[in-house]
Amino acid sequence: MPIQFHRPPVLETLFSVAETAAALGVHPISIYKALAGDLKMPVPVSVRIGRSIRFREKDVVNFLNAHSFAARSRSIESPRVNLPQPKRKGRPTKADQIKKRLQIESHPGGAA
């Protein structure tokens, strides 16, 4: 009977907060704030080991695939509709002033 050696299970690659932030293109502090709930930003699933926070490689890859531009464009069913913007309050623009002046000048009996 051959001798069998006990092989430890293959551990997953874990990324630090700095490595995950670099992969996502954000600052590491943004990751900490998002995990604390202070920042409304989605982050990959994290694993806490003692006081350190780690991210599984597969979770980061799945997160990037799910939040890529291609994934978002597939989920959009209806194209965006350009709605008219509400009229801004305040001083009229130069174009509005010229348009108003031309309207007054074009009407006979307009103010002089």
C-alpha atoms as a PDB file:
ATOM      1  CA  MET A   1       0.000   0.000   0.000  1.00  0.00           C
ATOM      2  CA  PRO A   2       1.565   3.308  -1.089  1.00  0.00           C
ATOM      3  CA  ILE A   3       2.004   6.079   1.441  1.00  0.00           C
ATOM      4  CA  GLN A   4      -0.513   8.877   1.016  1.00  0.00           C
ATOM      5  CA  PHE A   5       0.460  12.390   1.934  1.00  0.00           C
ATOM      6  CA  HIS A   6      -2.096  14.799   3.233  1.00  0.00           C
ATOM      7  CA  ARG A   7      -2.211  17.792   0.914  1.00  0.00           C
ATOM      8  CA  PRO A   8      -3.529  21.068   2.343  1.00  0.00           C
ATOM      9  CA  PRO A   9      -6.439  22.545   0.435  1.00  0.00           C
ATOM     10  CA  VAL A  10      -5.485  25.052  -2.204  1.00  0.00           C
ATOM     11  CA  LEU A  11      -6.021  28.499  -0.768  1.00  0.00           C
ATOM     12  CA  GLU A  12      -7.680  31.166  -2.797  1.00  0.00           C
ATOM     13  CA  THR A  13      -5.767  34.278  -3.773  1.00  0.00           C
ATOM     14  CA  LEU A  14      -6.768  37.130  -1.507  1.00  0.00           C
ATOM     15  CA  PHE A  15      -6.314  40.773  -2.458  1.00  0.00           C
ATOM     16  CA  SER A  16      -5.633  43.552   0.028  1.00  0.00           C
ATOM     17  CA  VAL A  17      -7.698  46.726   0.081  1.00  0.00           C
ATOM     18  CA  ALA A  18      -4.940  48.558  -1.803  1.00  0.00           C
ATOM     19  CA  GLU A  19      -4.788  45.878  -4.523  1.00  0.00           C
ATOM     20  CA  THR A  20      -8.576  45.820  -4.859  1.00  0.00           C
ATOM     21  CA  ALA A  21      -8.709  49.619  -5.014  1.00  0.00           C
ATOM     22  CA  ALA A  22      -6.089  49.611  -7.758  1.00  0.00           C
ATOM     23  CA  ALA A  23      -8.092  47.031  -9.717  1.00  0.00           C
ATOM     24  CA  LEU A  24     -11.271  49.115  -9.352  1.00  0.00           C
ATOM     25  CA  GLY A  25      -9.509  52.394 -10.077  1.00  0.00           C
ATOM     26  CA  VAL A  26     -10.451  54.089  -6.799  1.00  0.00           C
ATOM     27  CA  HIS A  27      -8.571  55.236  -3.715  1.00  0.00           C
ATOM     28  CA  PRO A  28      -8.225  52.699  -0.868  1.00  0.00           C
ATOM     29  CA  ILE A  29      -9.995  55.086   1.516  1.00  0.00           C
ATOM     30  CA  SER A  30     -13.046  54.891  -0.768  1.00  0.00           C
ATOM     31  CA  ILE A  31     -13.112  51.115  -0.247  1.00  0.00           C
ATOM     32  CA  TYR A  32     -12.982  51.520   3.546  1.00  0.00           C
ATOM     33  CA  LYS A  33     -15.732  54.166   3.470  1.00  0.00           C
ATOM     34  CA  ALA A  34     -17.936  52.017   1.228  1.00  0.00           C
ATOM     35  CA  LEU A  35     -17.513  49.029   3.538  1.00  0.00           C
ATOM     36  CA  ALA A  36     -18.418  51.217   6.530  1.00  0.00           C
ATOM     37  CA  GLY A  37     -21.540  52.436   4.736  1.00  0.00           C
ATOM     38  CA  ASP A  38     -20.391  56.055   4.590  1.00  0.00           C
ATOM     39  CA  LEU A  39     -20.121  56.004   0.797  1.00  0.00           C
ATOM     40  CA  LYS A  40     -22.850  54.792  -1.561  1.00  0.00           C
ATOM     41  CA  MET A  41     -20.542  52.748  -3.769  1.00  0.00           C
ATOM     42  CA  PRO A  42     -20.794  49.038  -4.524  1.00  0.00           C
ATOM     43  CA  VAL A  43     -17.763  46.966  -3.558  1.00  0.00           C
ATOM     44  CA  PRO A  44     -16.918  43.271  -3.961  1.00  0.00           C
ATOM     45  CA  VAL A  45     -17.690  40.816  -1.176  1.00  0.00           C
ATOM     46  CA  SER A  46     -15.018  41.101   1.510  1.00  0.00           C
ATOM     47  CA  VAL A  47     -13.488  38.626   3.958  1.00  0.00           C
ATOM     48  CA  ARG A  48     -12.333  39.745   7.359  1.00  0.00           C
ATOM     49  CA  ILE A  49      -9.258  38.005   8.749  1.00  0.00           C
ATOM     50  CA  GLY A  50      -8.538  39.403  12.180  1.00  0.00           C
ATOM     51  CA  ARG A  51      -8.380  43.157  11.688  1.00  0.00           C
ATOM     52  CA  SER A  52      -7.504  43.013   8.010  1.00  0.00           C
ATOM     53  CA  ILE A  53      -9.960  43.074   5.140  1.00  0.00           C
ATOM     54  CA  ARG A  54      -9.304  40.890   2.114  1.00  0.00           C
ATOM     55  CA  PHE A  55     -11.106  40.252  -1.154  1.00  0.00           C
ATOM     56  CA  ARG A  56     -11.197  36.928  -2.992  1.00  0.00           C
ATOM     57  CA  GLU A  57      -9.809  37.104  -6.505  1.00  0.00           C
ATOM     58  CA  LYS A  58     -12.913  35.456  -7.960  1.00  0.00           C
ATOM     59  CA  ASP A  59     -15.187  37.965  -6.163  1.00  0.00           C
ATOM     60  CA  VAL A  60     -13.216  40.926  -7.566  1.00  0.00           C
ATOM     61  CA  VAL A  61     -13.287  39.448 -11.086  1.00  0.00           C
ATOM     62  CA  ASN A  62     -17.041  38.728 -10.849  1.00  0.00           C
ATOM     63  CA  PHE A  63     -17.635  42.241  -9.507  1.00  0.00           C
ATOM     64  CA  LEU A  64     -15.710  43.816 -12.369  1.00  0.00           C
ATOM     65  CA  ASN A  65     -17.603  41.713 -14.919  1.00  0.00           C
ATOM     66  CA  ALA A  66     -20.953  42.596 -13.371  1.00  0.00           C
ATOM     67  CA  HIS A  67     -20.197  46.311 -13.151  1.00  0.00           C
ATOM     68  CA  SER A  68     -18.477  46.791 -16.485  1.00  0.00           C
ATOM     69  CA  PHE A  69     -19.878  49.141 -19.103  1.00  0.00           C
ATOM     70  CA  ALA A  70     -20.851  46.218 -21.352  1.00  0.00           C
ATOM     71  CA  ALA A  71     -22.869  44.607 -18.554  1.00  0.00           C
ATOM     72  CA  ARG A  72     -24.711  47.861 -17.856  1.00  0.00           C
ATOM     73  CA  SER A  73     -25.463  48.518 -21.514  1.00  0.00           C
ATOM     74  CA  ARG A  74     -27.001  45.048 -21.855  1.00  0.00           C
ATOM     75  CA  SER A  75     -29.285  45.596 -18.875  1.00  0.00           C
ATOM     76  CA  ILE A  76     -30.700  48.863 -20.242  1.00  0.00           C
ATOM     77  CA  GLU A  77     -33.867  48.015 -22.127  1.00  0.00           C
ATOM     78  CA  SER A  78     -35.104  51.418 -23.204  1.00  0.00           C
ATOM     79  CA  PRO A  79     -32.947  54.189 -24.619  1.00  0.00           C
ATOM     80  CA  ARG A  80     -32.645  57.392 -22.666  1.00  0.00           C
ATOM     81  CA  VAL A  81     -35.138  60.040 -23.652  1.00  0.00           C
ATOM     82  CA  ASN A  82     -33.981  63.636 -23.752  1.00  0.00           C
ATOM     83  CA  LEU A  83     -36.526  65.389 -21.570  1.00  0.00           C
ATOM     84  CA  PRO A  84     -36.798  69.155 -21.770  1.00  0.00           C
ATOM     85  CA  GLN A  85     -34.807  70.814 -19.015  1.00  0.00           C
ATOM     86  CA  PRO A  86     -36.765  73.045 -16.639  1.00  0.00           C
ATOM     87  CA  LYS A  87     -36.260  76.772 -17.116  1.00  0.00           C
ATOM     88  CA  ARG A  88     -33.519  78.038 -14.860  1.00  0.00           C
ATOM     89  CA  LYS A  89     -34.263  80.951 -12.626  1.00  0.00           C
ATOM     90  CA  GLY A  90     -31.912  83.876 -12.535  1.00  0.00           C
ATOM     91  CA  ARG A  91     -30.353  86.271 -14.976  1.00  0.00           C
ATOM     92  CA  PRO A  92     -31.119  85.523 -18.643  1.00  0.00           C
ATOM     93  CA  THR A  93     -28.276  84.454 -20.845  1.00  0.00           C
ATOM     94  CA  LYS A  94     -26.873  86.747 -23.507  1.00  0.00           C
ATOM     95  CA  ALA A  95     -28.626  84.657 -26.175  1.00  0.00           C
ATOM     96  CA  ASP A  96     -31.971  85.117 -24.391  1.00  0.00           C
ATOM     97  CA  GLN A  97     -31.393  88.870 -24.150  1.00  0.00           C
ATOM     98  CA  ILE A  98     -30.636  89.147 -27.885  1.00  0.00           C
ATOM     99  CA  LYS A  99     -33.649  86.999 -28.801  1.00  0.00           C
ATOM    100  CA  LYS A 100     -35.938  89.155 -26.681  1.00  0.00           C
ATOM    101  CA  ARG A 101     -34.503  92.382 -28.178  1.00  0.00           C
ATOM    102  CA  LEU A 102     -35.009  91.052 -31.734  1.00  0.00           C
ATOM    103  CA  GLN A 103     -38.616  90.080 -30.936  1.00  0.00           C
ATOM    104  CA  ILE A 104     -39.356  93.567 -29.602  1.00  0.00           C
ATOM    105  CA  GLU A 105     -37.740  95.271 -32.624  1.00  0.00           C
ATOM    106  CA  SER A 106     -39.532  93.038 -35.148  1.00  0.00           C
ATOM    107  CA  HIS A 107     -43.028  93.850 -33.856  1.00  0.00           C
ATOM    108  CA  PRO A 108     -44.480  97.132 -35.016  1.00  0.00           C
ATOM    109  CA  GLY A 109     -45.555  99.243 -32.103  1.00  0.00           C
ATOM    110  CA  GLY A 110     -43.021  97.568 -29.812  1.00  0.00           C
ATOM    111  CA  ALA A 111     -41.327  99.527 -27.073  1.00  0.00           C
ATOM    112  CA  ALA A 112     -38.669 101.931 -28.334  1.00  0.00           C
END
